[in-house]
């Protein structure tokens, strides 16, 4: 089974809300809510990949020193096994903007449970609740 590495970020605003993005139509799992991020390019480390993806998806600039690893997901989808490190970030430059036709929401961690998310994202929520409160 193919191993797919995807890196994700929980952007946290000053009110301890977390940003989630809705997967747009035409993508696998369209309509589900997820943490921003994406696939690593060949020979790319997770942090530069996440910085690149956040720039492409949200139009923000993040410095590597502002990314802190929190946890990871390991999930067996039917066609591949997903390994997804989740980083947190509280500091970035620029305004968060949906650059790929995705809807965005800032939510308290406890409210993340109310959203339909990919199965690999759901186990990450308790870690954010532990860190930030519900």
N, C-alpha and C. Protein backbone atom coordinates (compact mmCIF):
# COMPACT_ATOMS: atom_id res chain seq x y z
N UNK A 1 0.84 -1.19 0.00
CA UNK A 1 0.00 0.00 0.00
C UNK A 1 0.88 1.24 0.00
N UNK A 2 0.52 2.21 -0.80
CA UNK A 2 1.29 3.43 -0.92
C UNK A 2 1.18 4.27 0.35
N UNK A 3 2.31 4.83 0.80
CA UNK A 3 2.34 5.74 1.94
C UNK A 3 2.31 7.16 1.40
N UNK A 4 1.34 7.93 1.83
CA UNK A 4 1.22 9.33 1.43
C UNK A 4 1.46 10.21 2.65
N UNK A 5 2.39 11.14 2.51
CA UNK A 5 2.68 12.08 3.60
C UNK A 5 2.08 13.43 3.23
N UNK A 6 1.20 13.91 4.10
CA UNK A 6 0.55 15.20 3.95
C UNK A 6 0.80 15.97 5.23
N UNK A 7 1.17 17.22 5.12
CA UNK A 7 1.43 18.04 6.30
C UNK A 7 0.28 19.01 6.48
N UNK A 8 -0.11 19.25 7.75
CA UNK A 8 -1.25 20.11 8.05
C UNK A 8 -0.90 21.08 9.17
N UNK A 9 -1.69 22.17 9.23
CA UNK A 9 -1.43 23.19 10.23
C UNK A 9 -2.72 23.64 10.88
N UNK A 10 -2.69 23.79 12.19
CA UNK A 10 -3.76 24.43 12.94
C UNK A 10 -3.31 25.86 13.18
N UNK A 11 -3.78 26.78 12.34
CA UNK A 11 -3.53 28.20 12.57
C UNK A 11 -4.42 28.62 13.73
N UNK A 12 -3.84 29.31 14.70
CA UNK A 12 -4.57 29.69 15.91
C UNK A 12 -4.56 31.21 16.02
N UNK A 13 -5.75 31.81 16.10
CA UNK A 13 -5.84 33.26 16.19
C UNK A 13 -5.73 33.71 17.66
N UNK A 14 -5.69 35.02 17.92
CA UNK A 14 -5.55 35.50 19.31
C UNK A 14 -6.68 35.07 20.25
N UNK A 15 -7.85 34.69 19.69
CA UNK A 15 -8.96 34.22 20.51
C UNK A 15 -8.95 32.70 20.69
N UNK A 16 -7.84 32.05 20.36
CA UNK A 16 -7.69 30.59 20.45
C UNK A 16 -8.67 29.83 19.56
N UNK A 17 -9.03 30.44 18.43
CA UNK A 17 -9.83 29.74 17.44
C UNK A 17 -8.90 29.14 16.39
N UNK A 18 -9.34 28.06 15.79
CA UNK A 18 -8.55 27.32 14.82
C UNK A 18 -9.17 27.49 13.43
N UNK A 19 -8.34 27.66 12.41
CA UNK A 19 -8.83 27.80 11.05
C UNK A 19 -9.01 26.43 10.40
N UNK A 20 -10.15 26.23 9.76
CA UNK A 20 -10.39 25.05 8.94
C UNK A 20 -10.88 25.52 7.57
N UNK A 21 -10.60 24.69 6.57
CA UNK A 21 -10.97 25.00 5.19
C UNK A 21 -11.83 23.86 4.66
N UNK A 22 -12.80 24.23 3.84
CA UNK A 22 -13.67 23.23 3.24
C UNK A 22 -13.12 22.83 1.88
N UNK A 23 -12.99 21.51 1.67
CA UNK A 23 -12.47 21.03 0.39
C UNK A 23 -13.42 21.40 -0.73
N UNK A 24 -12.91 22.07 -1.78
CA UNK A 24 -13.79 22.53 -2.85
C UNK A 24 -14.28 21.41 -3.75
N UNK A 25 -15.34 21.70 -4.50
CA UNK A 25 -15.88 20.75 -5.47
C UNK A 25 -14.77 20.36 -6.46
N UNK A 26 -14.82 19.10 -6.88
CA UNK A 26 -13.84 18.61 -7.85
C UNK A 26 -12.64 17.94 -7.21
N UNK A 27 -12.46 18.10 -5.90
CA UNK A 27 -11.36 17.44 -5.19
C UNK A 27 -11.91 16.23 -4.45
N UNK A 28 -11.06 15.23 -4.20
CA UNK A 28 -11.53 14.11 -3.37
C UNK A 28 -12.03 14.62 -2.02
N UNK A 29 -13.06 14.01 -1.50
CA UNK A 29 -13.67 14.38 -0.22
C UNK A 29 -14.18 15.82 -0.22
N UNK A 30 -14.66 16.28 -1.38
CA UNK A 30 -15.20 17.64 -1.49
C UNK A 30 -16.29 17.86 -0.45
N UNK A 31 -16.31 19.06 0.12
CA UNK A 31 -17.30 19.42 1.11
C UNK A 31 -16.88 19.16 2.54
N UNK A 32 -15.88 18.31 2.75
CA UNK A 32 -15.40 18.05 4.11
C UNK A 32 -14.47 19.18 4.56
N UNK A 33 -14.41 19.39 5.86
CA UNK A 33 -13.57 20.44 6.46
C UNK A 33 -12.26 19.82 6.92
N UNK A 34 -11.17 20.57 6.73
CA UNK A 34 -9.84 20.05 7.06
C UNK A 34 -8.94 21.18 7.53
N UNK A 35 -7.80 20.78 8.08
CA UNK A 35 -6.77 21.74 8.44
C UNK A 35 -5.97 22.06 7.18
N UNK A 36 -5.60 23.32 6.96
CA UNK A 36 -4.85 23.67 5.77
C UNK A 36 -3.52 22.92 5.70
N UNK A 37 -3.07 22.67 4.50
CA UNK A 37 -1.81 21.99 4.27
C UNK A 37 -1.82 21.27 2.95
N UNK A 38 -0.96 20.30 2.81
CA UNK A 38 -0.93 19.57 1.55
C UNK A 38 0.22 18.58 1.47
N UNK A 39 0.35 18.03 0.28
CA UNK A 39 1.35 16.98 0.03
C UNK A 39 2.76 17.55 -0.04
N UNK A 40 3.70 16.72 0.37
CA UNK A 40 5.10 17.07 0.22
C UNK A 40 5.53 16.79 -1.21
N UNK A 41 6.36 17.67 -1.75
CA UNK A 41 6.99 17.43 -3.05
C UNK A 41 8.15 16.46 -2.82
N UNK A 42 8.63 15.79 -3.89
CA UNK A 42 9.77 14.89 -3.71
C UNK A 42 10.95 15.62 -3.06
N UNK A 43 11.55 14.98 -2.08
CA UNK A 43 12.72 15.50 -1.36
C UNK A 43 12.44 16.79 -0.58
N UNK A 44 11.17 17.08 -0.26
CA UNK A 44 10.81 18.27 0.49
C UNK A 44 10.59 17.89 1.96
N UNK A 45 11.11 18.72 2.86
CA UNK A 45 10.88 18.51 4.29
C UNK A 45 9.48 19.01 4.64
N UNK A 46 8.90 18.52 5.75
CA UNK A 46 7.54 18.93 6.11
C UNK A 46 7.37 20.43 6.34
N UNK A 47 8.30 21.07 7.03
CA UNK A 47 8.11 22.49 7.35
C UNK A 47 8.11 23.37 6.10
N UNK A 48 9.09 23.24 5.20
CA UNK A 48 9.01 24.04 3.97
C UNK A 48 7.78 23.72 3.13
N UNK A 49 7.35 22.46 3.14
CA UNK A 49 6.14 22.10 2.40
C UNK A 49 4.93 22.82 2.98
N UNK A 50 4.84 22.87 4.30
CA UNK A 50 3.71 23.53 4.94
C UNK A 50 3.75 25.04 4.69
N UNK A 51 4.91 25.63 4.76
CA UNK A 51 5.06 27.06 4.46
C UNK A 51 4.61 27.35 3.03
N UNK A 52 5.02 26.51 2.09
CA UNK A 52 4.63 26.67 0.68
C UNK A 52 3.11 26.54 0.53
N UNK A 53 2.54 25.49 1.13
CA UNK A 53 1.10 25.25 1.01
C UNK A 53 0.28 26.39 1.64
N UNK A 54 0.69 26.90 2.79
CA UNK A 54 -0.04 27.99 3.43
C UNK A 54 0.00 29.25 2.57
N UNK A 55 1.11 29.47 1.90
CA UNK A 55 1.21 30.60 0.98
C UNK A 55 0.29 30.43 -0.21
N UNK A 56 0.29 29.22 -0.79
CA UNK A 56 -0.54 28.96 -1.96
C UNK A 56 -2.03 28.98 -1.62
N UNK A 57 -2.42 28.35 -0.53
CA UNK A 57 -3.84 28.20 -0.19
C UNK A 57 -4.44 29.43 0.48
N UNK A 58 -3.64 30.10 1.32
CA UNK A 58 -4.19 31.16 2.18
C UNK A 58 -3.54 32.52 1.99
N UNK A 59 -2.47 32.60 1.19
CA UNK A 59 -1.82 33.87 0.94
C UNK A 59 -1.08 34.45 2.13
N UNK A 60 -0.64 33.60 3.04
CA UNK A 60 0.10 34.09 4.22
C UNK A 60 1.54 33.61 4.16
N UNK A 61 2.39 34.33 4.87
CA UNK A 61 3.80 33.98 4.98
C UNK A 61 4.06 33.50 6.41
N UNK A 62 4.62 32.31 6.51
CA UNK A 62 4.92 31.71 7.81
C UNK A 62 6.42 31.42 7.87
N UNK A 63 7.02 31.73 8.99
CA UNK A 63 8.43 31.40 9.20
C UNK A 63 8.51 30.02 9.87
N UNK A 64 9.54 29.27 9.51
CA UNK A 64 9.69 27.92 10.05
C UNK A 64 9.73 27.91 11.58
N UNK A 65 10.35 28.94 12.18
CA UNK A 65 10.45 29.01 13.64
C UNK A 65 9.08 29.16 14.31
N UNK A 66 8.06 29.56 13.54
CA UNK A 66 6.71 29.75 14.10
C UNK A 66 5.85 28.50 13.99
N UNK A 67 6.39 27.42 13.45
CA UNK A 67 5.68 26.15 13.35
C UNK A 67 6.12 25.23 14.48
N UNK A 68 5.17 24.71 15.23
CA UNK A 68 5.48 23.78 16.31
C UNK A 68 4.72 22.49 16.09
N UNK A 69 5.41 21.34 16.03
CA UNK A 69 4.69 20.08 15.86
C UNK A 69 3.84 19.77 17.09
N UNK A 70 2.60 19.34 16.85
CA UNK A 70 1.71 19.01 17.95
C UNK A 70 1.45 17.51 18.04
N UNK A 71 1.07 16.90 16.93
CA UNK A 71 0.74 15.47 16.91
C UNK A 71 0.75 15.02 15.46
N UNK A 72 0.29 13.79 15.22
CA UNK A 72 0.18 13.32 13.84
C UNK A 72 -0.96 12.32 13.75
N UNK A 73 -1.43 12.15 12.52
CA UNK A 73 -2.45 11.15 12.23
C UNK A 73 -1.82 10.08 11.35
N UNK A 74 -2.22 8.83 11.58
CA UNK A 74 -1.83 7.70 10.75
C UNK A 74 -3.12 6.96 10.44
N UNK A 75 -3.52 6.98 9.15
CA UNK A 75 -4.84 6.47 8.82
C UNK A 75 -4.82 5.64 7.54
N UNK A 76 -5.41 4.44 7.56
CA UNK A 76 -5.44 3.59 6.36
C UNK A 76 -6.68 3.85 5.50
N UNK A 77 -6.53 4.68 4.47
CA UNK A 77 -7.60 4.84 3.48
C UNK A 77 -7.56 3.62 2.57
N UNK A 78 -8.61 3.37 1.78
CA UNK A 78 -8.64 2.16 0.94
C UNK A 78 -7.48 2.05 -0.05
N UNK A 79 -7.04 3.19 -0.63
CA UNK A 79 -6.02 3.14 -1.68
C UNK A 79 -4.63 3.54 -1.22
N UNK A 80 -4.49 4.05 -0.01
CA UNK A 80 -3.19 4.51 0.49
C UNK A 80 -3.24 4.62 2.00
N UNK A 81 -2.07 4.72 2.60
CA UNK A 81 -1.98 4.97 4.04
C UNK A 81 -1.49 6.41 4.21
N UNK A 82 -2.24 7.20 4.98
CA UNK A 82 -1.91 8.60 5.18
C UNK A 82 -1.14 8.79 6.48
N UNK A 83 -0.04 9.49 6.40
CA UNK A 83 0.70 9.94 7.56
C UNK A 83 0.67 11.47 7.51
N UNK A 84 0.11 12.10 8.56
CA UNK A 84 -0.10 13.54 8.52
C UNK A 84 0.36 14.20 9.82
N UNK A 85 1.55 14.81 9.81
CA UNK A 85 1.94 15.61 10.97
C UNK A 85 1.09 16.87 11.04
N UNK A 86 0.68 17.24 12.26
CA UNK A 86 -0.08 18.46 12.48
C UNK A 86 0.79 19.43 13.28
N UNK A 87 0.99 20.59 12.72
CA UNK A 87 1.74 21.67 13.37
C UNK A 87 0.74 22.71 13.85
N UNK A 88 1.16 23.49 14.84
CA UNK A 88 0.38 24.66 15.22
C UNK A 88 1.18 25.90 14.86
N UNK A 89 0.46 26.97 14.59
CA UNK A 89 1.10 28.24 14.24
C UNK A 89 0.24 29.37 14.76
N UNK A 90 0.85 30.25 15.52
CA UNK A 90 0.13 31.41 16.07
C UNK A 90 0.58 32.73 15.43
N UNK A 91 1.64 32.69 14.62
CA UNK A 91 2.18 33.93 14.04
C UNK A 91 2.41 33.74 12.55
N UNK A 92 1.89 34.68 11.77
CA UNK A 92 2.10 34.69 10.33
C UNK A 92 1.97 36.12 9.84
N UNK A 93 2.37 36.34 8.62
CA UNK A 93 2.27 37.66 8.00
C UNK A 93 1.23 37.60 6.90
N UNK A 94 0.43 38.66 6.80
CA UNK A 94 -0.59 38.73 5.77
C UNK A 94 -1.96 38.36 6.32
N UNK A 95 -2.97 38.62 5.50
CA UNK A 95 -4.35 38.30 5.87
C UNK A 95 -4.72 36.94 5.29
N UNK A 96 -5.32 36.10 6.10
CA UNK A 96 -5.78 34.79 5.65
C UNK A 96 -6.87 34.99 4.60
N UNK A 97 -6.64 34.46 3.41
CA UNK A 97 -7.55 34.62 2.28
C UNK A 97 -7.73 33.28 1.59
N UNK A 98 -8.95 32.96 1.21
CA UNK A 98 -9.22 31.71 0.48
C UNK A 98 -8.76 31.90 -0.97
N UNK A 99 -7.63 31.30 -1.32
CA UNK A 99 -7.07 31.48 -2.66
C UNK A 99 -7.39 30.32 -3.60
N UNK A 100 -8.07 29.28 -3.10
CA UNK A 100 -8.37 28.11 -3.94
C UNK A 100 -9.87 27.79 -3.91
N UNK A 101 -10.69 28.83 -3.84
CA UNK A 101 -12.15 28.68 -3.85
C UNK A 101 -12.68 27.83 -2.69
N UNK A 102 -11.95 27.80 -1.58
CA UNK A 102 -12.41 27.03 -0.43
C UNK A 102 -13.07 27.96 0.58
N UNK A 103 -14.07 27.46 1.27
CA UNK A 103 -14.66 28.21 2.38
C UNK A 103 -13.74 28.07 3.59
N UNK A 104 -13.69 29.11 4.41
CA UNK A 104 -12.85 29.11 5.61
C UNK A 104 -13.71 29.43 6.82
N UNK A 105 -13.34 28.84 7.97
CA UNK A 105 -14.01 29.12 9.24
C UNK A 105 -12.97 29.15 10.35
N UNK A 106 -13.15 30.08 11.28
CA UNK A 106 -12.39 30.10 12.53
C UNK A 106 -13.31 29.57 13.62
N UNK A 107 -12.91 28.50 14.29
CA UNK A 107 -13.76 27.86 15.29
C UNK A 107 -12.97 27.53 16.56
N UNK A 108 -13.68 27.52 17.68
CA UNK A 108 -13.08 27.00 18.91
C UNK A 108 -12.88 25.50 18.72
N UNK A 109 -11.84 24.94 19.33
CA UNK A 109 -11.56 23.51 19.11
C UNK A 109 -12.73 22.58 19.35
N UNK A 110 -13.53 22.83 20.38
CA UNK A 110 -14.68 21.96 20.65
C UNK A 110 -15.71 21.97 19.54
N UNK A 111 -15.82 23.05 18.80
CA UNK A 111 -16.78 23.16 17.70
C UNK A 111 -16.33 22.40 16.46
N UNK A 112 -15.06 22.02 16.40
CA UNK A 112 -14.57 21.25 15.25
C UNK A 112 -15.30 19.91 15.13
N UNK A 113 -15.75 19.39 16.27
CA UNK A 113 -16.47 18.11 16.26
C UNK A 113 -17.81 18.19 15.53
N UNK A 114 -18.33 19.40 15.36
CA UNK A 114 -19.61 19.59 14.68
C UNK A 114 -19.49 19.54 13.16
N UNK A 115 -18.26 19.55 12.64
CA UNK A 115 -18.03 19.57 11.20
C UNK A 115 -17.80 18.17 10.65
N UNK A 116 -18.17 17.97 9.40
CA UNK A 116 -17.81 16.74 8.70
C UNK A 116 -16.37 16.90 8.23
N UNK A 117 -15.50 16.02 8.73
CA UNK A 117 -14.07 16.09 8.41
C UNK A 117 -13.62 14.75 7.84
N UNK A 118 -12.50 14.74 7.10
CA UNK A 118 -11.94 13.45 6.68
C UNK A 118 -11.62 12.61 7.91
N UNK A 119 -11.73 11.29 7.80
CA UNK A 119 -11.50 10.43 8.97
C UNK A 119 -10.12 10.62 9.60
N UNK A 120 -9.11 10.97 8.83
CA UNK A 120 -7.78 11.15 9.39
C UNK A 120 -7.68 12.42 10.23
N UNK A 121 -8.51 13.42 9.96
CA UNK A 121 -8.45 14.69 10.70
C UNK A 121 -9.13 14.59 12.07
N UNK A 122 -10.18 13.79 12.17
CA UNK A 122 -10.97 13.74 13.40
C UNK A 122 -10.16 13.42 14.66
N UNK A 123 -9.21 12.47 14.64
CA UNK A 123 -8.46 12.18 15.87
C UNK A 123 -7.52 13.31 16.31
N UNK A 124 -7.34 14.31 15.47
CA UNK A 124 -6.47 15.43 15.84
C UNK A 124 -7.18 16.43 16.76
N UNK A 125 -8.50 16.44 16.72
CA UNK A 125 -9.28 17.42 17.48
C UNK A 125 -9.02 17.35 18.99
N UNK A 126 -9.02 16.17 19.63
CA UNK A 126 -8.76 16.15 21.08
C UNK A 126 -7.43 16.77 21.47
N UNK A 127 -6.42 16.67 20.63
CA UNK A 127 -5.12 17.28 20.93
C UNK A 127 -5.24 18.80 20.95
N UNK A 128 -6.03 19.35 20.04
CA UNK A 128 -6.24 20.80 20.03
C UNK A 128 -7.07 21.24 21.23
N UNK A 129 -8.06 20.44 21.62
CA UNK A 129 -8.85 20.76 22.81
C UNK A 129 -7.97 20.73 24.06
N UNK A 130 -7.08 19.73 24.15
CA UNK A 130 -6.15 19.66 25.29
C UNK A 130 -5.26 20.90 25.35
N UNK A 131 -4.82 21.37 24.18
CA UNK A 131 -3.92 22.50 24.11
C UNK A 131 -4.62 23.83 24.39
N UNK A 132 -5.81 23.99 23.79
CA UNK A 132 -6.47 25.30 23.78
C UNK A 132 -7.74 25.38 24.62
N UNK A 133 -8.26 24.23 25.05
CA UNK A 133 -9.55 24.21 25.72
C UNK A 133 -10.65 24.08 24.69
N UNK A 134 -11.85 23.80 25.14
CA UNK A 134 -12.97 23.60 24.22
C UNK A 134 -13.48 24.93 23.75
